[in-house]
Amino acid sequence: TTIGTVSASEFVVTLVVSITFILTIGLDHLE
């Protein structure tokens, strides 16, 4: 349950962080 829960919550955290970066600096390094 620890590994499963941390992995599942990581998706939400990663999504929030990515959106924050896109709104602030964009995503220019597509390569």
All heavy atoms as atom14 arrays in JSON, in Angstrom:
{
  "sequence": "TTIGTVSASEFVVTLVVSITFILTIGLDHLE",
  "atom14_mask": [
    [1, 1, 1, 1, 1, 1, 1, 0, 0, 0, 0, 0, 0, 0],
    [1, 1, 1, 1, 1, 1, 1, 0, 0, 0, 0, 0, 0, 0],
    [1, 1, 1, 1, 1, 1, 1, 1, 0, 0, 0, 0, 0, 0],
    [1, 1, 1, 1, 0, 0, 0, 0, 0, 0, 0, 0, 0, 0],
    [1, 1, 1, 1, 1, 1, 1, 0, 0, 0, 0, 0, 0, 0],
    [1, 1, 1, 1, 1, 1, 1, 0, 0, 0, 0, 0, 0, 0],
    [1, 1, 1, 1, 1, 1, 0, 0, 0, 0, 0, 0, 0, 0],
    [1, 1, 1, 1, 1, 0, 0, 0, 0, 0, 0, 0, 0, 0],
    [1, 1, 1, 1, 1, 1, 0, 0, 0, 0, 0, 0, 0, 0],
    [1, 1, 1, 1, 1, 1, 1, 1, 1, 0, 0, 0, 0, 0],
    [1, 1, 1, 1, 1, 1, 1, 1, 1, 1, 1, 0, 0, 0],
    [1, 1, 1, 1, 1, 1, 1, 0, 0, 0, 0, 0, 0, 0],
    [1, 1, 1, 1, 1, 1, 1, 0, 0, 0, 0, 0, 0, 0],
    [1, 1, 1, 1, 1, 1, 1, 0, 0, 0, 0, 0, 0, 0],
    [1, 1, 1, 1, 1, 1, 1, 1, 0, 0, 0, 0, 0, 0],
    [1, 1, 1, 1, 1, 1, 1, 0, 0, 0, 0, 0, 0, 0],
    [1, 1, 1, 1, 1, 1, 1, 0, 0, 0, 0, 0, 0, 0],
    [1, 1, 1, 1, 1, 1, 0, 0, 0, 0, 0, 0, 0, 0],
    [1, 1, 1, 1, 1, 1, 1, 1, 0, 0, 0, 0, 0, 0],
    [1, 1, 1, 1, 1, 1, 1, 0, 0, 0, 0, 0, 0, 0],
    [1, 1, 1, 1, 1, 1, 1, 1, 1, 1, 1, 0, 0, 0],
    [1, 1, 1, 1, 1, 1, 1, 1, 0, 0, 0, 0, 0, 0],
    [1, 1, 1, 1, 1, 1, 1, 1, 0, 0, 0, 0, 0, 0],
    [1, 1, 1, 1, 1, 1, 1, 0, 0, 0, 0, 0, 0, 0],
    [1, 1, 1, 1, 1, 1, 1, 1, 0, 0, 0, 0, 0, 0],
    [1, 1, 1, 1, 0, 0, 0, 0, 0, 0, 0, 0, 0, 0],
    [1, 1, 1, 1, 1, 1, 1, 1, 0, 0, 0, 0, 0, 0],
    [1, 1, 1, 1, 1, 1, 1, 1, 0, 0, 0, 0, 0, 0],
    [1, 1, 1, 1, 1, 1, 1, 1, 1, 1, 0, 0, 0, 0],
    [1, 1, 1, 1, 1, 1, 1, 1, 0, 0, 0, 0, 0, 0],
    [1, 1, 1, 1, 1, 1, 1, 1, 1, 0, 0, 0, 0, 0]
  ],
  "atom14_positions": [
    [[0.82, -1.22, 0.0], [0.0, 0.0, 0.0], [0.85, 1.27, 0.0], [0.44, 2.29, -0.54], [-0.94, 0.01, 1.21], [-0.18, -0.12, 2.42], [-1.95, -1.11, 1.11], [0.0, 0.0, 0.0], [0.0, 0.0, 0.0], [0.0, 0.0, 0.0], [0.0, 0.0, 0.0], [0.0, 0.0, 0.0], [0.0, 0.0, 0.0], [0.0, 0.0, 0.0]],
    [[2.04, 1.2, 0.61], [2.91, 2.38, 0.61], [3.38, 2.71, -0.79], [3.26, 3.85, -1.26], [4.13, 2.15, 1.52], [3.71, 2.01, 2.87], [5.1, 3.33, 1.42], [0.0, 0.0, 0.0], [0.0, 0.0, 0.0], [0.0, 0.0, 0.0], [0.0, 0.0, 0.0], [0.0, 0.0, 0.0], [0.0, 0.0, 0.0], [0.0, 0.0, 0.0]],
    [[3.92, 1.71, -1.49], [4.42, 1.94, -2.85], [3.27, 2.31, -3.79], [3.39, 3.21, -4.61], [5.16, 0.68, -3.36], [6.42, 0.45, -2.53], [5.5, 0.83, -4.84], [7.13, -0.85, -2.85], [0.0, 0.0, 0.0], [0.0, 0.0, 0.0], [0.0, 0.0, 0.0], [0.0, 0.0, 0.0], [0.0, 0.0, 0.0], [0.0, 0.0, 0.0]],
    [[2.16, 1.61, -3.67], [1.01, 1.91, -4.53], [0.46, 3.3, -4.3], [0.16, 4.03, -5.25], [0.0, 0.0, 0.0], [0.0, 0.0, 0.0], [0.0, 0.0, 0.0], [0.0, 0.0, 0.0], [0.0, 0.0, 0.0], [0.0, 0.0, 0.0], [0.0, 0.0, 0.0], [0.0, 0.0, 0.0], [0.0, 0.0, 0.0], [0.0, 0.0, 0.0]],
    [[0.34, 3.71, -3.04], [-0.22, 5.02, -2.72], [0.72, 6.15, -3.12], [0.28, 7.16, -3.67], [-0.53, 5.11, -1.21], [-1.38, 4.03, -0.83], [-1.2, 6.43, -0.88], [0.0, 0.0, 0.0], [0.0, 0.0, 0.0], [0.0, 0.0, 0.0], [0.0, 0.0, 0.0], [0.0, 0.0, 0.0], [0.0, 0.0, 0.0], [0.0, 0.0, 0.0]],
    [[2.0, 5.98, -2.85], [2.97, 7.02, -3.22], [3.03, 7.16, -4.74], [3.1, 8.27, -5.27], [4.37, 6.69, -2.65], [5.42, 7.65, -3.23], [4.37, 6.8, -1.14], [0.0, 0.0, 0.0], [0.0, 0.0, 0.0], [0.0, 0.0, 0.0], [0.0, 0.0, 0.0], [0.0, 0.0, 0.0], [0.0, 0.0, 0.0], [0.0, 0.0, 0.0]],
    [[2.96, 6.06, -5.46], [2.99, 6.11, -6.93], [1.75, 6.81, -7.49], [1.84, 7.6, -8.41], [3.08, 4.69, -7.5], [4.27, 4.06, -7.11], [0.0, 0.0, 0.0], [0.0, 0.0, 0.0], [0.0, 0.0, 0.0], [0.0, 0.0, 0.0], [0.0, 0.0, 0.0], [0.0, 0.0, 0.0], [0.0, 0.0, 0.0], [0.0, 0.0, 0.0]],
    [[0.58, 6.5, -6.91], [-0.66, 7.12, -7.38], [-0.68, 8.61, -7.07], [-1.07, 9.43, -7.92], [-1.86, 6.43, -6.73], [0.0, 0.0, 0.0], [0.0, 0.0, 0.0], [0.0, 0.0, 0.0], [0.0, 0.0, 0.0], [0.0, 0.0, 0.0], [0.0, 0.0, 0.0], [0.0, 0.0, 0.0], [0.0, 0.0, 0.0], [0.0, 0.0, 0.0]],
    [[-0.24, 8.99, -5.88], [-0.23, 10.41, -5.51], [0.81, 11.18, -6.31], [0.65, 12.38, -6.58], [0.03, 10.57, -4.01], [1.27, 10.0, -3.65], [0.0, 0.0, 0.0], [0.0, 0.0, 0.0], [0.0, 0.0, 0.0], [0.0, 0.0, 0.0], [0.0, 0.0, 0.0], [0.0, 0.0, 0.0], [0.0, 0.0, 0.0], [0.0, 0.0, 0.0]],
    [[1.86, 10.49, -6.74], [2.9, 11.15, -7.54], [2.35, 11.67, -8.86], [2.79, 12.7, -9.36], [4.06, 10.19, -7.8], [5.23, 10.84, -8.53], [6.38, 9.88, -8.77], [6.18, 8.66, -8.62], [7.48, 10.35, -9.1], [0.0, 0.0, 0.0], [0.0, 0.0, 0.0], [0.0, 0.0, 0.0], [0.0, 0.0, 0.0], [0.0, 0.0, 0.0]],
    [[1.39, 10.96, -9.42], [0.8, 11.41, -10.68], [0.15, 12.79, -10.51], [0.36, 13.69, -11.32], [-0.24, 10.41, -11.18], [-1.12, 10.96, -12.28], [-0.61, 11.22, -13.54], [-2.46, 11.25, -12.03], [-1.4, 11.73, -14.55], [-3.27, 11.76, -13.03], [-2.75, 12.01, -14.29], [0.0, 0.0, 0.0], [0.0, 0.0, 0.0], [0.0, 0.0, 0.0]],
    [[-0.62, 12.96, -9.44], [-1.3, 14.24, -9.2], [-0.28, 15.34, -8.93], [-0.37, 16.45, -9.47], [-2.28, 14.12, -8.02], [-2.97, 15.46, -7.78], [-3.3, 13.03, -8.27], [0.0, 0.0, 0.0], [0.0, 0.0, 0.0], [0.0, 0.0, 0.0], [0.0, 0.0, 0.0], [0.0, 0.0, 0.0], [0.0, 0.0, 0.0], [0.0, 0.0, 0.0]],
    [[0.71, 15.05, -8.08], [1.73, 16.04, -7.76], [2.52, 16.43, -9.0], [2.77, 17.62, -9.25], [2.69, 15.49, -6.68], [3.84, 16.47, -6.42], [1.94, 15.22, -5.38], [0.0, 0.0, 0.0], [0.0, 0.0, 0.0], [0.0, 0.0, 0.0], [0.0, 0.0, 0.0], [0.0, 0.0, 0.0], [0.0, 0.0, 0.0], [0.0, 0.0, 0.0]],
    [[2.89, 15.44, -9.81], [3.64, 15.71, -11.03], [2.82, 16.55, -12.0], [3.35, 17.46, -12.66], [4.04, 14.39, -11.72], [4.85, 13.62, -10.83], [4.82, 14.65, -13.0], [0.0, 0.0, 0.0], [0.0, 0.0, 0.0], [0.0, 0.0, 0.0], [0.0, 0.0, 0.0], [0.0, 0.0, 0.0], [0.0, 0.0, 0.0], [0.0, 0.0, 0.0]],
    [[1.54, 16.26, -12.1], [0.65, 17.02, -12.98], [0.56, 18.48, -12.53], [0.64, 19.4, -13.35], [-0.74, 16.39, -13.0], [-1.77, 17.03, -13.94], [-1.29, 16.95, -15.39], [-3.13, 16.33, -13.78], [0.0, 0.0, 0.0], [0.0, 0.0, 0.0], [0.0, 0.0, 0.0], [0.0, 0.0, 0.0], [0.0, 0.0, 0.0], [0.0, 0.0, 0.0]],
    [[0.42, 18.71, -11.22], [0.35, 20.07, -10.68], [1.65, 20.82, -10.94], [1.64, 21.99, -11.37], [0.05, 20.04, -9.17], [0.21, 21.43, -8.55], [-1.36, 19.52, -8.91], [0.0, 0.0, 0.0], [0.0, 0.0, 0.0], [0.0, 0.0, 0.0], [0.0, 0.0, 0.0], [0.0, 0.0, 0.0], [0.0, 0.0, 0.0], [0.0, 0.0, 0.0]],
    [[2.78, 20.16, -10.7], [4.08, 20.79, -10.93], [4.26, 21.13, -12.41], [4.73, 22.23, -12.76], [5.22, 19.87, -10.46], [6.58, 20.42, -10.89], [5.18, 19.7, -8.94], [0.0, 0.0, 0.0], [0.0, 0.0, 0.0], [0.0, 0.0, 0.0], [0.0, 0.0, 0.0], [0.0, 0.0, 0.0], [0.0, 0.0, 0.0], [0.0, 0.0, 0.0]],
    [[3.88, 20.22, -13.29], [4.02, 20.46, -14.74], [3.16, 21.63, -15.19], [3.6, 22.48, -15.98], [3.63, 19.2, -15.52], [4.49, 18.13, -15.22], [0.0, 0.0, 0.0], [0.0, 0.0, 0.0], [0.0, 0.0, 0.0], [0.0, 0.0, 0.0], [0.0, 0.0, 0.0], [0.0, 0.0, 0.0], [0.0, 0.0, 0.0], [0.0, 0.0, 0.0]],
    [[1.92, 21.7, -14.7], [1.03, 22.81, -15.05], [1.62, 24.14, -14.56], [1.57, 25.15, -15.27], [-0.37, 22.58, -14.46], [-1.05, 21.4, -15.16], [-1.23, 23.84, -14.6], [-2.38, 21.01, -14.55], [0.0, 0.0, 0.0], [0.0, 0.0, 0.0], [0.0, 0.0, 0.0], [0.0, 0.0, 0.0], [0.0, 0.0, 0.0], [0.0, 0.0, 0.0]],
    [[2.19, 24.12, -13.35], [2.81, 25.33, -12.81], [3.96, 25.8, -13.7], [4.1, 26.99, -13.99], [3.33, 25.08, -11.38], [2.25, 24.64, -10.56], [3.91, 26.37, -10.79], [0.0, 0.0, 0.0], [0.0, 0.0, 0.0], [0.0, 0.0, 0.0], [0.0, 0.0, 0.0], [0.0, 0.0, 0.0], [0.0, 0.0, 0.0], [0.0, 0.0, 0.0]],
    [[4.79, 24.86, -14.13], [5.9, 25.22, -15.01], [5.39, 25.76, -16.35], [5.93, 26.74, -16.88], [6.8, 24.0, -15.26], [7.81, 23.77, -14.18], [7.88, 22.55, -13.52], [8.71, 24.75, -13.82], [8.81, 22.31, -12.53], [9.65, 24.54, -12.83], [9.7, 23.31, -12.18], [0.0, 0.0, 0.0], [0.0, 0.0, 0.0], [0.0, 0.0, 0.0]],
    [[4.37, 25.13, -16.91], [3.84, 25.56, -18.2], [3.27, 26.98, -18.11], [3.45, 27.81, -19.01], [2.76, 24.58, -18.69], [3.4, 23.24, -19.06], [2.01, 25.15, -19.9], [2.4, 22.16, -19.41], [0.0, 0.0, 0.0], [0.0, 0.0, 0.0], [0.0, 0.0, 0.0], [0.0, 0.0, 0.0], [0.0, 0.0, 0.0], [0.0, 0.0, 0.0]],
    [[2.59, 27.28, -17.01], [1.99, 28.6, -16.83], [3.03, 29.68, -16.55], [2.78, 30.86, -16.81], [0.98, 28.57, -15.67], [-0.28, 27.71, -15.9], [-1.15, 27.7, -14.65], [-1.07, 28.24, -17.1], [0.0, 0.0, 0.0], [0.0, 0.0, 0.0], [0.0, 0.0, 0.0], [0.0, 0.0, 0.0], [0.0, 0.0, 0.0], [0.0, 0.0, 0.0]],
    [[4.18, 29.29, -16.02], [5.2, 30.28, -15.66], [6.3, 30.43, -16.72], [6.67, 31.54, -17.08], [5.84, 29.93, -14.31], [6.29, 28.55, -14.34], [4.83, 30.08, -13.18], [0.0, 0.0, 0.0], [0.0, 0.0, 0.0], [0.0, 0.0, 0.0], [0.0, 0.0, 0.0], [0.0, 0.0, 0.0], [0.0, 0.0, 0.0], [0.0, 0.0, 0.0]],
    [[6.84, 29.31, -17.2], [7.94, 29.41, -18.16], [7.63, 28.71, -19.48], [8.43, 28.76, -20.41], [9.25, 28.82, -17.58], [9.09, 27.33, -17.31], [9.67, 29.57, -16.33], [10.38, 26.64, -16.88], [0.0, 0.0, 0.0], [0.0, 0.0, 0.0], [0.0, 0.0, 0.0], [0.0, 0.0, 0.0], [0.0, 0.0, 0.0], [0.0, 0.0, 0.0]],
    [[6.47, 28.04, -19.56], [6.15, 27.31, -20.77], [6.89, 25.99, -20.83], [7.55, 25.58, -19.87], [0.0, 0.0, 0.0], [0.0, 0.0, 0.0], [0.0, 0.0, 0.0], [0.0, 0.0, 0.0], [0.0, 0.0, 0.0], [0.0, 0.0, 0.0], [0.0, 0.0, 0.0], [0.0, 0.0, 0.0], [0.0, 0.0, 0.0], [0.0, 0.0, 0.0]],
    [[6.82, 25.33, -21.95], [7.5, 24.05, -22.13], [8.2, 24.08, -23.49], [7.68, 23.6, -24.49], [6.5, 22.89, -22.07], [7.1, 21.48, -21.99], [7.96, 21.33, -20.74], [6.0, 20.43, -21.98], [0.0, 0.0, 0.0], [0.0, 0.0, 0.0], [0.0, 0.0, 0.0], [0.0, 0.0, 0.0], [0.0, 0.0, 0.0], [0.0, 0.0, 0.0]],
    [[9.41, 24.67, -23.49], [10.13, 24.88, -24.73], [11.06, 23.72, -25.09], [11.51, 23.61, -26.22], [10.96, 26.17, -24.64], [10.08, 27.4, -24.45], [8.95, 27.39, -24.98], [10.52, 28.34, -23.77], [0.0, 0.0, 0.0], [0.0, 0.0, 0.0], [0.0, 0.0, 0.0], [0.0, 0.0, 0.0], [0.0, 0.0, 0.0], [0.0, 0.0, 0.0]],
    [[11.37, 22.88, -24.11], [12.33, 21.82, -24.35], [11.61, 20.51, -24.7], [11.75, 19.5, -24.01], [13.22, 21.64, -23.11], [14.02, 22.86, -22.79], [15.27, 23.08, -23.32], [13.74, 23.94, -22.02], [15.74, 24.24, -22.87], [14.83, 24.77, -22.08], [0.0, 0.0, 0.0], [0.0, 0.0, 0.0], [0.0, 0.0, 0.0], [0.0, 0.0, 0.0]],
    [[10.85, 20.56, -25.78], [10.08, 19.38, -26.2], [10.98, 18.23, -26.57], [10.62, 17.06, -26.37], [9.19, 19.76, -27.39], [8.17, 18.7, -27.84], [7.22, 18.36, -26.71], [7.41, 19.18, -29.06], [0.0, 0.0, 0.0], [0.0, 0.0, 0.0], [0.0, 0.0, 0.0], [0.0, 0.0, 0.0], [0.0, 0.0, 0.0], [0.0, 0.0, 0.0]],
    [[12.16, 18.52, -27.09], [13.1, 17.48, -27.48], [13.5, 16.63, -26.27], [13.59, 15.41, -26.36], [14.34, 18.11, -28.11], [15.34, 17.09, -28.65], [16.52, 17.75, -29.33], [16.78, 18.95, -29.05], [17.18, 17.1, -30.15], [0.0, 0.0, 0.0], [0.0, 0.0, 0.0], [0.0, 0.0, 0.0], [0.0, 0.0, 0.0], [0.0, 0.0, 0.0]]
  ]
}
